[in-house]
Amino acid sequence: MAALIVETLAAHDIDVVLVGGSCVCVWTNEKFGSLDLDFIDLTYSRRKQIAVALSQLGFSPNERQPKYFTHPDCQWSVEFPTAPLAVGHEYIGDKQVATKETSTGTLRLLSPTDTIKDRLLWWYLENDPQCWEQALEIARNHKVRWADLKKWHEGEGYADQLEIFRRALEEHRS
């Protein structure tokens, strides 16, 4: 569904990237679930433009929650958090965006390393234990850009936390 949405929006010159818990689903082979598909709109399109594009798939705007679109036969809502594409204070450039080929098209999404950053930020800010577990699960199963993760930790003010994450990952691997 996420790839179909990316392809449909791209056909309307709307460039989006999947973020948040939906990326966790992808990078953990659905070990963790999400109730919505979160996309950052890199083209800063008007809601009306997005609504026209998504209506082709049967999604309609939620009038009470302007960032959301729903479909009567779809288990996920579609949300458009405010751009830019960033994790904390770090902007994510187009070259950092990952792609995944699916039967319905090409999905553009946060890389495993950037998804780890996203989950760790929720852990650091909200002490959400599920986010900690999600970050560990992604790191166990995907290549991590450790230098990038170190730089991000330093930039966010969590430099001391990276070694704790590394140790926890090693303990989980043992």
Protein backbone atom coordinates (compact mmCIF):
# COMPACT_ATOMS: atom_id res chain seq x y z
CA MET A 1 0.00 0.00 0.00
CA ALA A 2 2.78 2.45 0.90
CA ALA A 3 4.54 1.95 -2.46
CA LEU A 4 1.23 2.39 -4.29
CA ILE A 5 0.69 5.69 -2.48
CA VAL A 6 4.23 6.84 -3.31
CA GLU A 7 3.72 5.96 -6.99
CA THR A 8 0.26 7.57 -7.15
CA LEU A 9 1.48 10.80 -5.59
CA ALA A 10 4.58 10.82 -7.83
CA ALA A 11 2.28 10.66 -10.87
CA HIS A 12 0.88 13.98 -9.59
CA ASP A 13 4.38 15.47 -9.10
CA ILE A 14 4.20 15.01 -5.34
CA ASP A 15 7.41 13.56 -3.91
CA VAL A 16 6.97 11.78 -0.56
CA VAL A 17 9.08 9.64 1.77
CA LEU A 18 7.70 7.09 4.23
CA VAL A 19 8.78 7.77 7.84
CA GLY A 20 8.03 6.74 11.42
CA GLY A 21 6.56 3.49 12.63
CA SER A 22 5.74 2.43 9.09
CA CYS A 23 9.48 2.28 8.34
CA VAL A 24 9.91 0.12 11.41
CA CYS A 25 7.37 -2.29 9.91
CA VAL A 26 9.39 -2.48 6.70
CA TRP A 27 12.82 -2.85 8.30
CA THR A 28 11.63 -5.45 10.86
CA ASN A 29 9.61 -7.52 8.36
CA GLU A 30 6.46 -6.46 10.20
CA LYS A 31 7.63 -7.67 13.61
CA PHE A 32 6.25 -4.33 14.82
CA GLY A 33 3.02 -2.85 13.48
CA SER A 34 1.74 0.62 12.74
CA LEU A 35 -1.77 1.99 12.42
CA ASP A 36 -0.86 4.64 9.88
CA LEU A 37 1.40 5.34 6.96
CA ASP A 38 3.36 8.54 7.62
CA PHE A 39 4.74 10.43 4.64
CA ILE A 40 6.79 13.61 4.50
CA ASP A 41 5.88 15.64 1.42
CA LEU A 42 9.15 16.95 -0.01
CA THR A 43 7.33 19.10 -2.57
CA TYR A 44 5.26 20.98 0.04
CA SER A 45 2.11 20.36 -2.00
CA ARG A 46 -1.23 21.78 -1.03
CA ARG A 47 -3.60 19.46 0.81
CA LYS A 48 -6.03 19.80 -2.11
CA GLN A 49 -3.42 18.41 -4.53
CA ILE A 50 -2.74 15.47 -2.25
CA ALA A 51 -6.48 14.85 -1.84
CA VAL A 52 -6.99 14.73 -5.61
CA ALA A 53 -4.16 12.23 -6.03
CA LEU A 54 -5.23 10.01 -3.12
CA SER A 55 -8.88 10.05 -4.22
CA GLN A 56 -7.78 7.84 -7.14
CA LEU A 57 -7.06 5.18 -4.54
CA GLY A 58 -10.28 5.81 -2.61
CA PHE A 59 -8.74 7.85 0.22
CA SER A 60 -10.50 10.96 1.44
CA PRO A 61 -9.42 13.76 3.78
CA ASN A 62 -10.32 13.59 7.44
CA GLU A 63 -11.96 16.96 8.07
CA ARG A 64 -11.22 16.94 11.82
CA GLN A 65 -7.57 16.00 11.40
CA PRO A 66 -6.20 17.79 8.32
CA LYS A 67 -2.98 15.76 8.12
CA TYR A 68 -4.91 12.46 7.78
CA PHE A 69 -6.60 10.62 4.92
CA THR A 70 -8.70 7.48 5.34
CA HIS A 71 -10.16 4.73 3.19
CA PRO A 72 -13.21 2.70 4.25
CA ASP A 73 -11.56 -0.61 3.26
CA CYS A 74 -8.00 0.09 4.39
CA GLN A 75 -6.66 -0.72 7.85
CA TRP A 76 -4.19 2.18 7.73
CA SER A 77 -4.79 5.87 7.71
CA VAL A 78 -2.38 8.03 5.75
CA GLU A 79 -0.76 10.94 7.57
CA PHE A 80 1.39 13.80 6.34
CA PRO A 81 3.52 15.13 9.21
CA THR A 82 4.98 18.55 8.58
CA ALA A 83 8.07 18.74 6.36
CA PRO A 84 11.05 18.96 6.14
CA LEU A 85 12.41 15.43 6.13
CA ALA A 86 14.49 15.32 9.32
CA VAL A 87 15.28 13.27 12.39
CA GLY A 88 15.67 15.65 15.28
CA HIS A 89 17.78 18.55 14.06
CA GLU A 90 19.34 16.60 11.18
CA TYR A 91 17.89 17.10 7.71
CA ILE A 92 17.74 13.98 5.57
CA GLY A 93 18.99 14.61 2.04
CA ASP A 94 17.64 12.90 -1.05
CA LYS A 95 20.80 10.75 -1.31
CA GLN A 96 20.08 9.32 2.14
CA VAL A 97 16.54 8.21 1.23
CA ALA A 98 16.28 4.45 0.77
CA THR A 99 14.21 2.69 -1.86
CA LYS A 100 12.57 -0.70 -1.81
CA GLU A 101 11.06 -2.36 -4.86
CA THR A 102 7.62 -3.90 -4.37
CA SER A 103 5.01 -5.46 -6.61
CA THR A 104 3.13 -2.13 -6.67
CA GLY A 105 6.10 0.16 -7.28
CA THR A 106 9.11 1.73 -5.65
CA LEU A 107 8.79 2.69 -2.01
CA ARG A 108 10.88 5.68 -0.84
CA LEU A 109 11.56 5.55 2.89
CA LEU A 110 14.00 6.38 5.65
CA SER A 111 17.09 4.16 5.59
CA PRO A 112 17.57 1.62 8.37
CA THR A 113 20.12 3.93 10.06
CA ASP A 114 17.80 6.95 9.88
CA THR A 115 14.91 4.83 11.18
CA ILE A 116 17.14 3.80 14.11
CA LYS A 117 17.80 7.50 14.79
CA ASP A 118 14.06 8.18 14.73
CA ARG A 119 13.31 5.37 17.18
CA LEU A 120 16.19 6.31 19.48
CA LEU A 121 15.02 9.93 19.53
CA TRP A 122 11.59 8.75 20.76
CA TRP A 123 13.39 6.65 23.37
CA TYR A 124 15.56 9.57 24.52
CA LEU A 125 12.71 12.09 24.59
CA GLU A 126 9.75 9.96 25.69
CA ASN A 127 11.43 6.93 27.28
CA ASP A 128 9.32 4.69 25.01
CA PRO A 129 10.63 1.13 25.55
CA GLN A 130 9.09 -0.18 22.33
CA CYS A 131 11.11 2.36 20.35
CA TRP A 132 14.30 1.10 22.01
CA GLU A 133 13.42 -2.48 21.03
CA GLN A 134 12.57 -1.38 17.50
CA ALA A 135 15.94 0.35 17.10
CA LEU A 136 17.74 -2.77 18.34
CA GLU A 137 15.75 -5.03 16.02
CA ILE A 138 16.58 -2.91 12.97
CA ALA A 139 20.27 -2.76 13.95
CA ARG A 140 20.39 -6.54 14.39
CA ASN A 141 19.09 -7.15 10.88
CA HIS A 142 20.48 -4.32 8.74
CA LYS A 143 23.75 -2.62 8.05
CA VAL A 144 24.14 0.40 10.33
CA ARG A 145 26.15 3.45 9.26
CA TRP A 146 27.89 3.82 12.63
CA ALA A 147 29.84 6.99 11.76
CA ASP A 148 26.58 8.63 10.71
CA LEU A 149 24.84 7.44 13.88
CA LYS A 150 27.74 8.80 15.97
CA LYS A 151 27.60 12.20 14.27
CA TRP A 152 23.82 12.35 14.77
CA HIS A 153 24.13 11.49 18.48
CA GLU A 154 26.70 14.23 18.94
CA GLY A 155 24.57 16.77 17.07
CA GLU A 156 21.49 15.95 19.12
CA GLY A 157 23.33 16.07 22.44
CA TYR A 158 23.16 12.33 23.13
CA ALA A 159 26.80 11.38 22.44
CA ASP A 160 27.00 9.44 25.72
CA GLN A 161 24.03 7.28 24.71
CA LEU A 162 25.55 5.72 21.59
CA GLU A 163 27.85 3.38 23.53
CA ILE A 164 24.89 2.25 25.64
CA PHE A 165 23.03 1.39 22.43
CA ARG A 166 26.06 -0.47 21.02
CA ARG A 167 26.45 -2.50 24.22
CA ALA A 168 22.76 -3.38 24.25
CA LEU A 169 23.01 -4.49 20.63
CA GLU A 170 26.02 -6.71 21.42
CA GLU A 171 24.18 -8.23 24.39
CA HIS A 172 21.21 -9.02 22.16
CA ARG A 173 23.49 -10.65 19.59
CA SER A 174 25.17 -12.88 22.21
